[in-house]
PDB file of N, CA and C in Angstrom:
ATOM      1  N   MET A   1       0.818  -1.182   0.000  1.00  0.00           N
ATOM      2  CA  MET A   1       0.000   0.000   0.000  1.00  0.00           C
ATOM      3  C   MET A   1       0.873   1.263   0.000  1.00  0.00           C
ATOM      4  N   LYS A   2       1.939   1.216   0.797  1.00  0.00           N
ATOM      5  CA  LYS A   2       2.846   2.355   0.871  1.00  0.00           C
ATOM      6  C   LYS A   2       3.522   2.592  -0.490  1.00  0.00           C
ATOM      7  N   ASN A   3       3.892   1.513  -1.174  1.00  0.00           N
ATOM      8  CA  ASN A   3       4.509   1.617  -2.500  1.00  0.00           C
ATOM      9  C   ASN A   3       3.525   2.185  -3.515  1.00  0.00           C
ATOM     10  N   LEU A   4       2.254   1.829  -3.393  1.00  0.00           N
ATOM     11  CA  LEU A   4       1.228   2.330  -4.300  1.00  0.00           C
ATOM     12  C   LEU A   4       1.066   3.842  -4.136  1.00  0.00           C
ATOM     13  N   LYS A   5       1.059   4.340  -2.897  1.00  0.00           N
ATOM     14  CA  LYS A   5       0.940   5.776  -2.650  1.00  0.00           C
ATOM     15  C   LYS A   5       2.157   6.514  -3.225  1.00  0.00           C
ATOM     16  N   THR A   6       3.324   5.963  -3.012  1.00  0.00           N
ATOM     17  CA  THR A   6       4.541   6.580  -3.537  1.00  0.00           C
ATOM     18  C   THR A   6       4.486   6.637  -5.059  1.00  0.00           C
ATOM     19  N   LEU A   7       4.050   5.566  -5.676  1.00  0.00           N
ATOM     20  CA  LEU A   7       3.932   5.502  -7.127  1.00  0.00           C
ATOM     21  C   LEU A   7       2.929   6.537  -7.638  1.00  0.00           C
ATOM     22  N   LEU A   8       1.790   6.681  -6.973  1.00  0.00           N
ATOM     23  CA  LEU A   8       0.782   7.653  -7.380  1.00  0.00           C
ATOM     24  C   LEU A   8       1.299   9.086  -7.234  1.00  0.00           C
ATOM     25  N   ILE A   9       2.030   9.354  -6.172  1.00  0.00           N
ATOM     26  CA  ILE A   9       2.578  10.695  -5.958  1.00  0.00           C
ATOM     27  C   ILE A   9       3.613  11.023  -7.040  1.00  0.00           C
ATOM     28  N   LEU A  10       4.475  10.080  -7.309  1.00  0.00           N
ATOM     29  CA  LEU A  10       5.481  10.302  -8.348  1.00  0.00           C
ATOM     30  C   LEU A  10       4.835  10.497  -9.722  1.00  0.00           C
ATOM     31  N   THR A  11       3.802   9.739 -10.012  1.00  0.00           N
ATOM     32  CA  THR A  11       3.096   9.855 -11.286  1.00  0.00           C
ATOM     33  C   THR A  11       2.443  11.229 -11.404  1.00  0.00           C
ATOM     34  N   ALA A  12       1.818  11.698 -10.320  1.00  0.00           N
ATOM     35  CA  ALA A  12       1.177  13.013 -10.326  1.00  0.00           C
ATOM     36  C   ALA A  12       2.214  14.118 -10.516  1.00  0.00           C
ATOM     37  N   MET A  13       3.362  13.979  -9.868  1.00  0.00           N
ATOM     38  CA  MET A  13       4.411  14.985 -10.005  1.00  0.00           C
ATOM     39  C   MET A  13       4.953  15.024 -11.434  1.00  0.00           C
ATOM     40  N   LEU A  14       5.152  13.862 -12.008  1.00  0.00           N
ATOM     41  CA  LEU A  14       5.655  13.782 -13.377  1.00  0.00           C
ATOM     42  C   LEU A  14       4.653  14.369 -14.357  1.00  0.00           C
ATOM     43  N   ALA A  15       3.384  14.089 -14.169  1.00  0.00           N
ATOM     44  CA  ALA A  15       2.348  14.631 -15.050  1.00  0.00           C
ATOM     45  C   ALA A  15       2.293  16.155 -14.941  1.00  0.00           C
ATOM     46  N   GLY A  16       2.435  16.673 -13.756  1.00  0.00           N
ATOM     47  CA  GLY A  16       2.429  18.128 -13.563  1.00  0.00           C
ATOM     48  C   GLY A  16       3.622  18.777 -14.220  1.00  0.00           C
ATOM     49  N   ALA A  17       4.774  18.170 -14.081  1.00  0.00           N
ATOM     50  CA  ALA A  17       5.987  18.718 -14.686  1.00  0.00           C
ATOM     51  C   ALA A  17       5.893  18.690 -16.204  1.00  0.00           C
ATOM     52  N   THR A  18       5.348  17.633 -16.753  1.00  0.00           N
ATOM     53  CA  THR A  18       5.217  17.503 -18.199  1.00  0.00           C
ATOM     54  C   THR A  18       4.274  18.560 -18.750  1.00  0.00           C
ATOM     55  N   SER A  19       3.140  18.774 -18.094  1.00  0.00           N
ATOM     56  CA  SER A  19       2.193  19.771 -18.586  1.00  0.00           C
ATOM     57  C   SER A  19       2.750  21.177 -18.420  1.00  0.00           C
ATOM     58  N   ALA A  20       3.501  21.432 -17.370  1.00  0.00           N
ATOM     59  CA  ALA A  20       4.118  22.755 -17.184  1.00  0.00           C
ATOM     60  C   ALA A  20       5.149  23.018 -18.278  1.00  0.00           C
ATOM     61  N   TYR A  21       5.929  22.008 -18.620  1.00  0.00           N
ATOM     62  CA  TYR A  21       6.909  22.140 -19.691  1.00  0.00           C
ATOM     63  C   TYR A  21       6.214  22.418 -21.019  1.00  0.00           C
ATOM     64  N   ALA A  22       5.155  21.657 -21.301  1.00  0.00           N
ATOM     65  CA  ALA A  22       4.430  21.836 -22.558  1.00  0.00           C
ATOM     66  C   ALA A  22       3.819  23.233 -22.637  1.00  0.00           C
ATOM     67  N   ALA A  23       3.279  23.719 -21.531  1.00  0.00           N
ATOM     68  CA  ALA A  23       2.672  25.045 -21.528  1.00  0.00           C
ATOM     69  C   ALA A  23       3.720  26.130 -21.745  1.00  0.00           C
ATOM     70  N   SER A  24       4.895  25.964 -21.185  1.00  0.00           N
ATOM     71  CA  SER A  24       5.928  26.986 -21.327  1.00  0.00           C
ATOM     72  C   SER A  24       6.532  27.005 -22.725  1.00  0.00           C
ATOM     73  N   HIS A  25       6.402  25.924 -23.464  1.00  0.00           N
ATOM     74  CA  HIS A  25       6.977  25.859 -24.802  1.00  0.00           C
ATOM     75  C   HIS A  25       5.905  25.857 -25.894  1.00  0.00           C
ATOM     76  N   ALA A  26       4.682  26.131 -25.537  1.00  0.00           N
ATOM     77  CA  ALA A  26       3.595  26.148 -26.521  1.00  0.00           C
ATOM     78  C   ALA A  26       3.836  27.267 -27.526  1.00  0.00           C
ATOM     79  N   GLY A  27       3.715  26.954 -28.785  1.00  0.00           N
ATOM     80  CA  GLY A  27       3.878  27.959 -29.822  1.00  0.00           C
ATOM     81  C   GLY A  27       5.321  28.242 -30.201  1.00  0.00           C
ATOM     82  N   ALA A  28       6.265  27.709 -29.464  1.00  0.00           N
ATOM     83  CA  ALA A  28       7.670  27.940 -29.790  1.00  0.00           C
ATOM     84  C   ALA A  28       8.062  27.018 -30.938  1.00  0.00           C
ATOM     85  N   PRO A  29       8.728  27.559 -31.951  1.00  0.00           N
ATOM     86  CA  PRO A  29       9.143  26.701 -33.058  1.00  0.00           C
ATOM     87  C   PRO A  29      10.184  25.694 -32.587  1.00  0.00           C
ATOM     88  N   MET A  30      10.079  24.509 -33.123  1.00  0.00           N
ATOM     89  CA  MET A  30      11.019  23.462 -32.734  1.00  0.00           C
ATOM     90  C   MET A  30      12.148  23.435 -33.749  1.00  0.00           C
ATOM     91  N   ALA A  31      13.363  23.598 -33.285  1.00  0.00           N
ATOM     92  CA  ALA A  31      14.526  23.598 -34.171  1.00  0.00           C
ATOM     93  C   ALA A  31      14.998  22.169 -34.373  1.00  0.00           C
ATOM     94  N   THR A  32      14.924  21.722 -35.602  1.00  0.00           N
ATOM     95  CA  THR A  32      15.432  20.392 -35.927  1.00  0.00           C
ATOM     96  C   THR A  32      16.809  20.574 -36.533  1.00  0.00           C
ATOM     97  N   GLY A  33      17.459  19.509 -36.859  1.00  0.00           N
ATOM     98  CA  GLY A  33      18.800  19.589 -37.426  1.00  0.00           C
ATOM     99  C   GLY A  33      18.855  20.480 -38.659  1.00  0.00           C
ATOM    100  N   ASP A  34      17.899  20.327 -39.605  1.00  0.00           N
ATOM    101  CA  ASP A  34      17.901  21.130 -40.816  1.00  0.00           C
ATOM    102  C   ASP A  34      17.613  22.595 -40.515  1.00  0.00           C
ATOM    103  N   ALA A  35      16.714  22.850 -39.578  1.00  0.00           N
ATOM    104  CA  ALA A  35      16.377  24.236 -39.234  1.00  0.00           C
ATOM    105  C   ALA A  35      17.588  24.938 -38.630  1.00  0.00           C
ATOM    106  N   LYS A  36      18.362  24.236 -37.831  1.00  0.00           N
ATOM    107  CA  LYS A  36      19.552  24.841 -37.234  1.00  0.00           C
ATOM    108  C   LYS A  36      20.561  25.207 -38.317  1.00  0.00           C
ATOM    109  N   LYS A  37      20.727  24.345 -39.325  1.00  0.00           N
ATOM    110  CA  LYS A  37      21.663  24.624 -40.411  1.00  0.00           C
ATOM    111  C   LYS A  37      21.214  25.838 -41.204  1.00  0.00           C
ATOM    112  N   GLU A  38      19.896  25.929 -41.495  1.00  0.00           N
ATOM    113  CA  GLU A  38      19.388  27.052 -42.260  1.00  0.00           C
ATOM    114  C   GLU A  38      19.597  28.356 -41.503  1.00  0.00           C
ATOM    115  N   THR A  39      19.377  28.350 -40.197  1.00  0.00           N
ATOM    116  CA  THR A  39      19.563  29.549 -39.399  1.00  0.00           C
ATOM    117  C   THR A  39      21.021  29.980 -39.419  1.00  0.00           C
ATOM    118  N   ALA A  40      21.923  29.032 -39.307  1.00  0.00           N
ATOM    119  CA  ALA A  40      23.345  29.361 -39.274  1.00  0.00           C
ATOM    120  C   ALA A  40      23.806  29.921 -40.616  1.00  0.00           C
ATOM    121  N   THR A  41      23.319  29.372 -41.729  1.00  0.00           N
ATOM    122  CA  THR A  41      23.767  29.843 -43.026  1.00  0.00           C
ATOM    123  C   THR A  41      23.031  31.102 -43.459  1.00  0.00           C
ATOM    124  N   ALA A  42      21.860  31.363 -42.907  1.00  0.00           N
ATOM    125  CA  ALA A  42      21.105  32.545 -43.285  1.00  0.00           C
ATOM    126  C   ALA A  42      21.661  33.802 -42.624  1.00  0.00           C
ATOM    127  N   ALA A  43      22.335  33.647 -41.498  1.00  0.00           N
ATOM    128  CA  ALA A  43      22.879  34.804 -40.789  1.00  0.00           C
ATOM    129  C   ALA A  43      24.053  35.381 -41.571  1.00  0.00           C
ATOM    130  N   PRO A  44      24.128  36.702 -41.696  1.00  0.00           N
ATOM    131  CA  PRO A  44      25.246  37.292 -42.421  1.00  0.00           C
ATOM    132  C   PRO A  44      26.550  37.066 -41.662  1.00  0.00           C
ATOM    133  N   ALA A  45      27.626  37.018 -42.414  1.00  0.00           N
ATOM    134  CA  ALA A  45      28.934  36.804 -41.791  1.00  0.00           C
ATOM    135  C   ALA A  45      29.274  37.986 -40.897  1.00  0.00           C
ATOM    136  N   ASP A  46      29.790  37.707 -39.732  1.00  0.00           N
ATOM    137  CA  ASP A  46      30.197  38.774 -38.820  1.00  0.00           C
ATOM    138  C   ASP A  46      31.433  39.458 -39.369  1.00  0.00           C
ATOM    139  N   MET A  47      31.506  40.732 -39.113  1.00  0.00           N
ATOM    140  CA  MET A  47      32.691  41.477 -39.538  1.00  0.00           C
ATOM    141  C   MET A  47      33.764  41.330 -38.468  1.00  0.00           C
ATOM    142  N   ALA A  48      34.976  41.176 -38.904  1.00  0.00           N
ATOM    143  CA  ALA A  48      36.120  41.080 -37.993  1.00  0.00           C
ATOM    144  C   ALA A  48      36.699  42.477 -37.796  1.00  0.00           C
ATOM    145  N   GLU A  49      37.374  42.659 -36.676  1.00  0.00           N
ATOM    146  CA  GLU A  49      38.033  43.931 -36.403  1.00  0.00           C
ATOM    147  C   GLU A  49      39.518  43.782 -36.680  1.00  0.00           C
ATOM    148  N   GLY A  50      40.121  44.867 -37.123  1.00  0.00           N
ATOM    149  CA  GLY A  50      41.541  44.802 -37.413  1.00  0.00           C
ATOM    150  C   GLY A  50      42.169  46.167 -37.566  1.00  0.00           C
ATOM    151  N   GLU A  51      43.477  46.131 -37.808  1.00  0.00           N
ATOM    152  CA  GLU A  51      44.241  47.346 -38.060  1.00  0.00           C
ATOM    153  C   GLU A  51      45.083  47.101 -39.301  1.00  0.00           C
ATOM    154  N   ILE A  52      45.028  48.024 -40.226  1.00  0.00           N
ATOM    155  CA  ILE A  52      45.784  47.888 -41.463  1.00  0.00           C
ATOM    156  C   ILE A  52      47.258  48.137 -41.171  1.00  0.00           C
ATOM    157  N   ARG A  53      48.104  47.201 -41.586  1.00  0.00           N
ATOM    158  CA  ARG A  53      49.547  47.333 -41.417  1.00  0.00           C
ATOM    159  C   ARG A  53      50.220  47.798 -42.695  1.00  0.00           C
ATOM    160  N   LYS A  54      49.686  47.368 -43.850  1.00  0.00           N
ATOM    161  CA  LYS A  54      50.317  47.725 -45.119  1.00  0.00           C
ATOM    162  C   LYS A  54      49.284  47.638 -46.233  1.00  0.00           C
ATOM    163  N   VAL A  55      49.349  48.587 -47.165  1.00  0.00           N
ATOM    164  CA  VAL A  55      48.524  48.556 -48.367  1.00  0.00           C
ATOM    165  C   VAL A  55      49.472  48.467 -49.550  1.00  0.00           C
ATOM    166  N   ASP A  56      49.354  47.416 -50.350  1.00  0.00           N
ATOM    167  CA  ASP A  56      50.241  47.215 -51.506  1.00  0.00           C
ATOM    168  C   ASP A  56      49.411  47.349 -52.782  1.00  0.00           C
ATOM    169  N   MET A  57      49.449  48.546 -53.354  1.00  0.00           N
ATOM    170  CA  MET A  57      48.648  48.823 -54.554  1.00  0.00           C
ATOM    171  C   MET A  57      49.129  48.001 -55.752  1.00  0.00           C
ATOM    172  N   ALA A  58      50.436  47.755 -55.839  1.00  0.00           N
ATOM    173  CA  ALA A  58      50.994  47.043 -56.987  1.00  0.00           C
ATOM    174  C   ALA A  58      50.469  45.611 -57.083  1.00  0.00           C
ATOM    175  N   THR A  59      50.396  44.932 -55.937  1.00  0.00           N
ATOM    176  CA  THR A  59      49.933  43.532 -55.948  1.00  0.00           C
ATOM    177  C   THR A  59      48.454  43.409 -55.589  1.00  0.00           C
ATOM    178  N   LYS A  60      47.830  44.556 -55.275  1.00  0.00           N
ATOM    179  CA  LYS A  60      46.412  44.586 -54.891  1.00  0.00           C
ATOM    180  C   LYS A  60      46.151  43.718 -53.662  1.00  0.00           C
ATOM    181  N   LYS A  61      47.036  43.879 -52.661  1.00  0.00           N
ATOM    182  CA  LYS A  61      46.916  43.118 -51.423  1.00  0.00           C
ATOM    183  C   LYS A  61      46.987  44.061 -50.233  1.00  0.00           C
ATOM    184  N   ILE A  62      46.474  43.575 -49.101  1.00  0.00           N
ATOM    185  CA  ILE A  62      46.439  44.374 -47.889  1.00  0.00           C
ATOM    186  C   ILE A  62      46.857  43.495 -46.715  1.00  0.00           C
ATOM    187  N   THR A  63      47.689  44.037 -45.837  1.00  0.00           N
ATOM    188  CA  THR A  63      48.120  43.315 -44.637  1.00  0.00           C
ATOM    189  C   THR A  63      47.312  43.853 -43.462  1.00  0.00           C
ATOM    190  N   ILE A  64      46.657  42.937 -42.754  1.00  0.00           N
ATOM    191  CA  ILE A  64      45.786  43.327 -41.642  1.00  0.00           C
ATOM    192  C   ILE A  64      46.144  42.519 -40.395  1.00  0.00           C
ATOM    193  N   LYS A  65      46.330  43.229 -39.284  1.00  0.00           N
ATOM    194  CA  LYS A  65      46.427  42.572 -37.975  1.00  0.00           C
ATOM    195  C   LYS A  65      44.989  42.507 -37.488  1.00  0.00           C
ATOM    196  N   HIS A  66      44.458  41.286 -37.373  1.00  0.00           N
ATOM    197  CA  HIS A  66      43.029  41.147 -37.109  1.00  0.00           C
ATOM    198  C   HIS A  66      42.726  40.263 -35.906  1.00  0.00           C
ATOM    199  N   GLY A  67      41.528  40.437 -35.400  1.00  0.00           N
ATOM    200  CA  GLY A  67      40.998  39.551 -34.375  1.00  0.00           C
ATOM    201  C   GLY A  67      40.404  38.321 -35.043  1.00  0.00           C
ATOM    202  N   GLU A  68      39.651  37.557 -34.294  1.00  0.00           N
ATOM    203  CA  GLU A  68      39.035  36.330 -34.806  1.00  0.00           C
ATOM    204  C   GLU A  68      38.134  36.628 -36.003  1.00  0.00           C
ATOM    205  N   ILE A  69      38.256  35.791 -37.028  1.00  0.00           N
ATOM    206  CA  ILE A  69      37.347  35.852 -38.176  1.00  0.00           C
ATOM    207  C   ILE A  69      36.439  34.636 -38.036  1.00  0.00           C
ATOM    208  N   LYS A  70      35.257  34.861 -37.471  1.00  0.00           N
ATOM    209  CA  LYS A  70      34.368  33.758 -37.089  1.00  0.00           C
ATOM    210  C   LYS A  70      33.911  32.913 -38.263  1.00  0.00           C
ATOM    211  N   ASN A  71      33.526  33.537 -39.380  1.00  0.00           N
ATOM    212  CA  ASN A  71      33.001  32.754 -40.495  1.00  0.00           C
ATOM    213  C   ASN A  71      34.058  31.857 -41.140  1.00  0.00           C
ATOM    214  N   LEU A  72      35.328  32.148 -40.890  1.00  0.00           N
ATOM    215  CA  LEU A  72      36.411  31.308 -41.413  1.00  0.00           C
ATOM    216  C   LEU A  72      37.028  30.446 -40.322  1.00  0.00           C
ATOM    217  N   ASP A  73      36.517  30.577 -39.097  1.00  0.00           N
ATOM    218  CA  ASP A  73      37.051  29.855 -37.941  1.00  0.00           C
ATOM    219  C   ASP A  73      38.562  30.091 -37.818  1.00  0.00           C
ATOM    220  N   MET A  74      38.936  31.380 -37.904  1.00  0.00           N
ATOM    221  CA  MET A  74      40.347  31.757 -37.897  1.00  0.00           C
ATOM    222  C   MET A  74      40.649  32.613 -36.669  1.00  0.00           C
ATOM    223  N   PRO A  75      41.689  32.251 -35.929  1.00  0.00           N
ATOM    224  CA  PRO A  75      42.066  33.071 -34.766  1.00  0.00           C
ATOM    225  C   PRO A  75      42.715  34.379 -35.221  1.00  0.00           C
ATOM    226  N   GLY A  76      42.884  35.283 -34.280  1.00  0.00           N
ATOM    227  CA  GLY A  76      43.528  36.548 -34.582  1.00  0.00           C
ATOM    228  C   GLY A  76      44.989  36.354 -34.970  1.00  0.00           C
ATOM    229  N   MET A  77      45.460  37.176 -35.915  1.00  0.00           N
ATOM    230  CA  MET A  77      46.849  37.131 -36.385  1.00  0.00           C
ATOM    231  C   MET A  77      47.074  38.292 -37.341  1.00  0.00           C
ATOM    232  N   THR A  78      48.257  38.406 -37.866  1.00  0.00           N
ATOM    233  CA  THR A  78      48.543  39.382 -38.919  1.00  0.00           C
ATOM    234  C   THR A  78      48.785  38.598 -40.197  1.00  0.00           C
ATOM    235  N   MET A  79      48.073  38.979 -41.259  1.00  0.00           N
ATOM    236  CA  MET A  79      48.247  38.260 -42.520  1.00  0.00           C
ATOM    237  C   MET A  79      47.932  39.140 -43.711  1.00  0.00           C
ATOM    238  N   VAL A  80      48.375  38.684 -44.876  1.00  0.00           N
ATOM    239  CA  VAL A  80      48.161  39.385 -46.133  1.00  0.00           C
ATOM    240  C   VAL A  80      46.925  38.805 -46.801  1.00  0.00           C
ATOM    241  N   PHE A  81      46.048  39.697 -47.252  1.00  0.00           N
ATOM    242  CA  PHE A  81      44.817  39.293 -47.926  1.00  0.00           C
ATOM    243  C   PHE A  81      44.788  39.864 -49.338  1.00  0.00           C
ATOM    244  N   GLN A  82      44.142  39.141 -50.233  1.00  0.00           N
ATOM    245  CA  GLN A  82      43.772  39.705 -51.523  1.00  0.00           C
ATOM    246  C   GLN A  82      42.498  40.514 -51.290  1.00  0.00           C
ATOM    247  N   VAL A  83      42.186  41.427 -52.182  1.00  0.00           N
ATOM    248  CA  VAL A  83      40.938  42.182 -52.075  1.00  0.00           C
ATOM    249  C   VAL A  83      40.071  41.891 -53.290  1.00  0.00           C
ATOM    250  N   MET A  84      38.760  41.832 -53.057  1.00  0.00           N
ATOM    251  CA  MET A  84      37.839  41.548 -54.152  1.00  0.00           C
ATOM    252  C   MET A  84      37.820  42.712 -55.147  1.00  0.00           C
ATOM    253  N   ASP A  85      37.821  43.938 -54.611  1.00  0.00           N
ATOM    254  CA  ASP A  85      37.771  45.133 -55.450  1.00  0.00           C
ATOM    255  C   ASP A  85      38.972  46.017 -55.117  1.00  0.00           C
ATOM    256  N   PRO A  86      39.921  46.172 -56.036  1.00  0.00           N
ATOM    257  CA  PRO A  86      41.107  46.983 -55.761  1.00  0.00           C
ATOM    258  C   PRO A  86      40.785  48.429 -55.362  1.00  0.00           C
ATOM    259  N   ALA A  87      39.616  48.936 -55.705  1.00  0.00           N
ATOM    260  CA  ALA A  87      39.227  50.296 -55.323  1.00  0.00           C
ATOM    261  C   ALA A  87      39.127  50.445 -53.804  1.00  0.00           C
ATOM    262  N   MET A  88      38.945  49.343 -53.089  1.00  0.00           N
ATOM    263  CA  MET A  88      38.897  49.397 -51.621  1.00  0.00           C
ATOM    264  C   MET A  88      40.214  49.911 -51.057  1.00  0.00           C
ATOM    265  N   LEU A  89      41.315  49.632 -51.747  1.00  0.00           N
ATOM    266  CA  LEU A  89      42.634  50.023 -51.244  1.00  0.00           C
ATOM    267  C   LEU A  89      42.833  51.541 -51.249  1.00  0.00           C
ATOM    268  N   ASP A  90      42.105  52.246 -52.113  1.00  0.00           N
ATOM    269  CA  ASP A  90      42.222  53.703 -52.173  1.00  0.00           C
ATOM    270  C   ASP A  90      41.637  54.374 -50.934  1.00  0.00           C
ATOM    271  N   LYS A  91      40.787  53.679 -50.212  1.00  0.00           N
ATOM    272  CA  LYS A  91      40.061  54.276 -49.088  1.00  0.00           C
ATOM    273  C   LYS A  91      40.727  54.050 -47.736  1.00  0.00           C
ATOM    274  N   VAL A  92      41.847  53.307 -47.711  1.00  0.00           N
ATOM    275  CA  VAL A  92      42.484  52.970 -46.433  1.00  0.00           C
ATOM    276  C   VAL A  92      43.984  53.220 -46.487  1.00  0.00           C
ATOM    277  N   LYS A  93      44.577  53.294 -45.288  1.00  0.00           N
ATOM    278  CA  LYS A  93      46.036  53.466 -45.198  1.00  0.00           C
ATOM    279  C   LYS A  93      46.532  52.729 -43.954  1.00  0.00           C
ATOM    280  N   ALA A  94      47.823  52.517 -43.885  1.00  0.00           N
ATOM    281  CA  ALA A  94      48.422  51.842 -42.730  1.00  0.00           C
ATOM    282  C   ALA A  94      48.058  52.598 -41.450  1.00  0.00           C
ATOM    283  N   GLY A  95      47.693  51.841 -40.431  1.00  0.00           N
ATOM    284  CA  GLY A  95      47.316  52.424 -39.142  1.00  0.00           C
ATOM    285  C   GLY A  95      45.822  52.577 -38.947  1.00  0.00           C
ATOM    286  N   ASP A  96      45.031  52.497 -40.030  1.00  0.00           N
ATOM    287  CA  ASP A  96      43.571  52.621 -39.904  1.00  0.00           C
ATOM    288  C   ASP A  96      42.988  51.445 -39.133  1.00  0.00           C
ATOM    289  N   LYS A  97      42.085  51.747 -38.217  1.00  0.00           N
ATOM    290  CA  LYS A  97      41.312  50.710 -37.515  1.00  0.00           C
ATOM    291  C   LYS A  97      40.079  50.445 -38.370  1.00  0.00           C
ATOM    292  N   ILE A  98      39.828  49.160 -38.653  1.00  0.00           N
ATOM    293  CA  ILE A  98      38.748  48.801 -39.576  1.00  0.00           C
ATOM    294  C   ILE A  98      37.906  47.652 -39.048  1.00  0.00           C
ATOM    295  N   ARG A  99      36.779  47.466 -39.715  1.00  0.00           N
ATOM    296  CA  ARG A  99      35.966  46.249 -39.615  1.00  0.00           C
ATOM    297  C   ARG A  99      35.903  45.723 -41.044  1.00  0.00           C
ATOM    298  N   PHE A 100      36.027  44.405 -41.206  1.00  0.00           N
ATOM    299  CA  PHE A 100      36.066  43.863 -42.556  1.00  0.00           C
ATOM    300  C   PHE A 100      35.446  42.466 -42.614  1.00  0.00           C
ATOM    301  N   LYS A 101      35.077  42.106 -43.838  1.00  0.00           N
ATOM    302  CA  LYS A 101      34.579  40.753 -44.103  1.00  0.00           C
ATOM    303  C   LYS A 101      35.591  40.074 -45.010  1.00  0.00           C
ATOM    304  N   ALA A 102      35.851  38.809 -44.719  1.00  0.00           N
ATOM    305  CA  ALA A 102      36.753  38.022 -45.557  1.00  0.00           C
ATOM    306  C   ALA A 102      36.080  36.685 -45.844  1.00  0.00           C
ATOM    307  N   GLU A 103      36.285  36.179 -47.037  1.00  0.00           N
ATOM    308  CA  GLU A 103      35.700  34.913 -47.466  1.00  0.00           C
ATOM    309  C   GLU A 103      36.721  34.122 -48.265  1.00  0.00           C
ATOM    310  N   LYS A 104      36.503  32.812 -48.324  1.00  0.00           N
ATOM    311  CA  LYS A 104      37.343  31.973 -49.175  1.00  0.00           C
ATOM    312  C   LYS A 104      36.803  32.045 -50.593  1.00  0.00           C
ATOM    313  N   ALA A 105      37.704  32.286 -51.544  1.00  0.00           N
ATOM    314  CA  ALA A 105      37.319  32.345 -52.959  1.00  0.00           C
ATOM    315  C   ALA A 105      38.499  31.901 -53.805  1.00  0.00           C
ATOM    316  N   ASN A 106      38.275  30.932 -54.644  1.00  0.00           N
ATOM    317  CA  ASN A 106      39.306  30.427 -55.560  1.00  0.00           C
ATOM    318  C   ASN A 106      40.600  30.050 -54.847  1.00  0.00           C
ATOM    319  N   GLY A 107      40.482  29.402 -53.707  1.00  0.00           N
ATOM    320  CA  GLY A 107      41.650  28.923 -52.974  1.00  0.00           C
ATOM    321  C   GLY A 107      42.383  29.981 -52.174  1.00  0.00           C
ATOM    322  N   ALA A 108      41.841  31.188 -52.100  1.00  0.00           N
ATOM    323  CA  ALA A 108      42.484  32.261 -51.337  1.00  0.00           C
ATOM    324  C   ALA A 108      41.459  32.883 -50.395  1.00  0.00           C
ATOM    325  N   ILE A 109      41.958  33.594 -49.406  1.00  0.00           N
ATOM    326  CA  ILE A 109      41.073  34.342 -48.519  1.00  0.00           C
ATOM    327  C   ILE A 109      41.067  35.779 -49.018  1.00  0.00           C
ATOM    328  N   VAL A 110      39.878  36.267 -49.339  1.00  0.00           N
ATOM    329  CA  VAL A 110      39.712  37.554 -49.998  1.00  0.00           C
ATOM    330  C   VAL A 110      38.886  38.489 -49.120  1.00  0.00           C
ATOM    331  N   VAL A 111      39.340  39.725 -48.973  1.00  0.00           N
ATOM    332  CA  VAL A 111      38.555  40.744 -48.269  1.00  0.00           C
ATOM    333  C   VAL A 111      37.480  41.233 -49.216  1.00  0.00           C
ATOM    334  N   THR A 112      36.220  41.147 -48.771  1.00  0.00           N
ATOM    335  CA  THR A 112      35.096  41.536 -49.617  1.00  0.00           C
ATOM    336  C   THR A 112      34.476  42.861 -49.205  1.00  0.00           C
ATOM    337  N   ASP A 113      34.777  43.340 -47.998  1.00  0.00           N
ATOM    338  CA  ASP A 113      34.199  44.596 -47.526  1.00  0.00           C
ATOM    339  C   ASP A 113      35.108  45.192 -46.453  1.00  0.00           C
ATOM    340  N   ILE A 114      35.334  46.480 -46.515  1.00  0.00           N
ATOM    341  CA  ILE A 114      36.122  47.186 -45.488  1.00  0.00           C
ATOM    342  C   ILE A 114      35.341  48.422 -45.072  1.00  0.00           C
ATOM    343  N   GLN A 115      35.225  48.603 -43.746  1.00  0.00           N
ATOM    344  CA  GLN A 115      34.555  49.788 -43.208  1.00  0.00           C
ATOM    345  C   GLN A 115      35.399  50.347 -42.068  1.00  0.00           C
ATOM    346  N   PRO A 116      35.338  51.654 -41.849  1.00  0.00           N
ATOM    347  CA  PRO A 116      36.061  52.228 -40.704  1.00  0.00           C
ATOM    348  C   PRO A 116      35.501  51.650 -39.401  1.00  0.00           C
ATOM    349  N   ALA A 117      36.362  51.430 -38.420  1.00  0.00           N
ATOM    350  CA  ALA A 117      35.904  50.917 -37.121  1.00  0.00           C
ATOM    351  C   ALA A 117      35.117  52.014 -36.425  1.00  0.00           C
ATOM    352  N   ARG A 118      34.148  51.604 -35.618  1.00  0.00           N
ATOM    353  CA  ARG A 118      33.318  52.568 -34.877  1.00  0.00           C
ATOM    354  C   ARG A 118      33.762  52.643 -33.455  1.00  0.00           C
TER     355      ARG A 118
END
């Protein structure tokens, strides 16, 4: 009899917890594996922060000391990048603090956007 009461109490507690959970998540979209992938790829790439060390107009390259580049899973370092549009190089000089986007293209990492840091 004592075991039956314990079983009934535990069952009632479990039922209450289940309904409370369901009520708190009612109407919330359920993220499945595919939905998580779509959300991750739909988000725009974060801009990395950096400082321009060198602008090489002849080779159309730029050297940037940068923080983490999240979309490339790259830690902070100083490196030389190609630029998608050489006209970007006219707008910057060594010492400028910037925010930029970089992407992999044709086997190289290319800067696709440069903006002054805020």
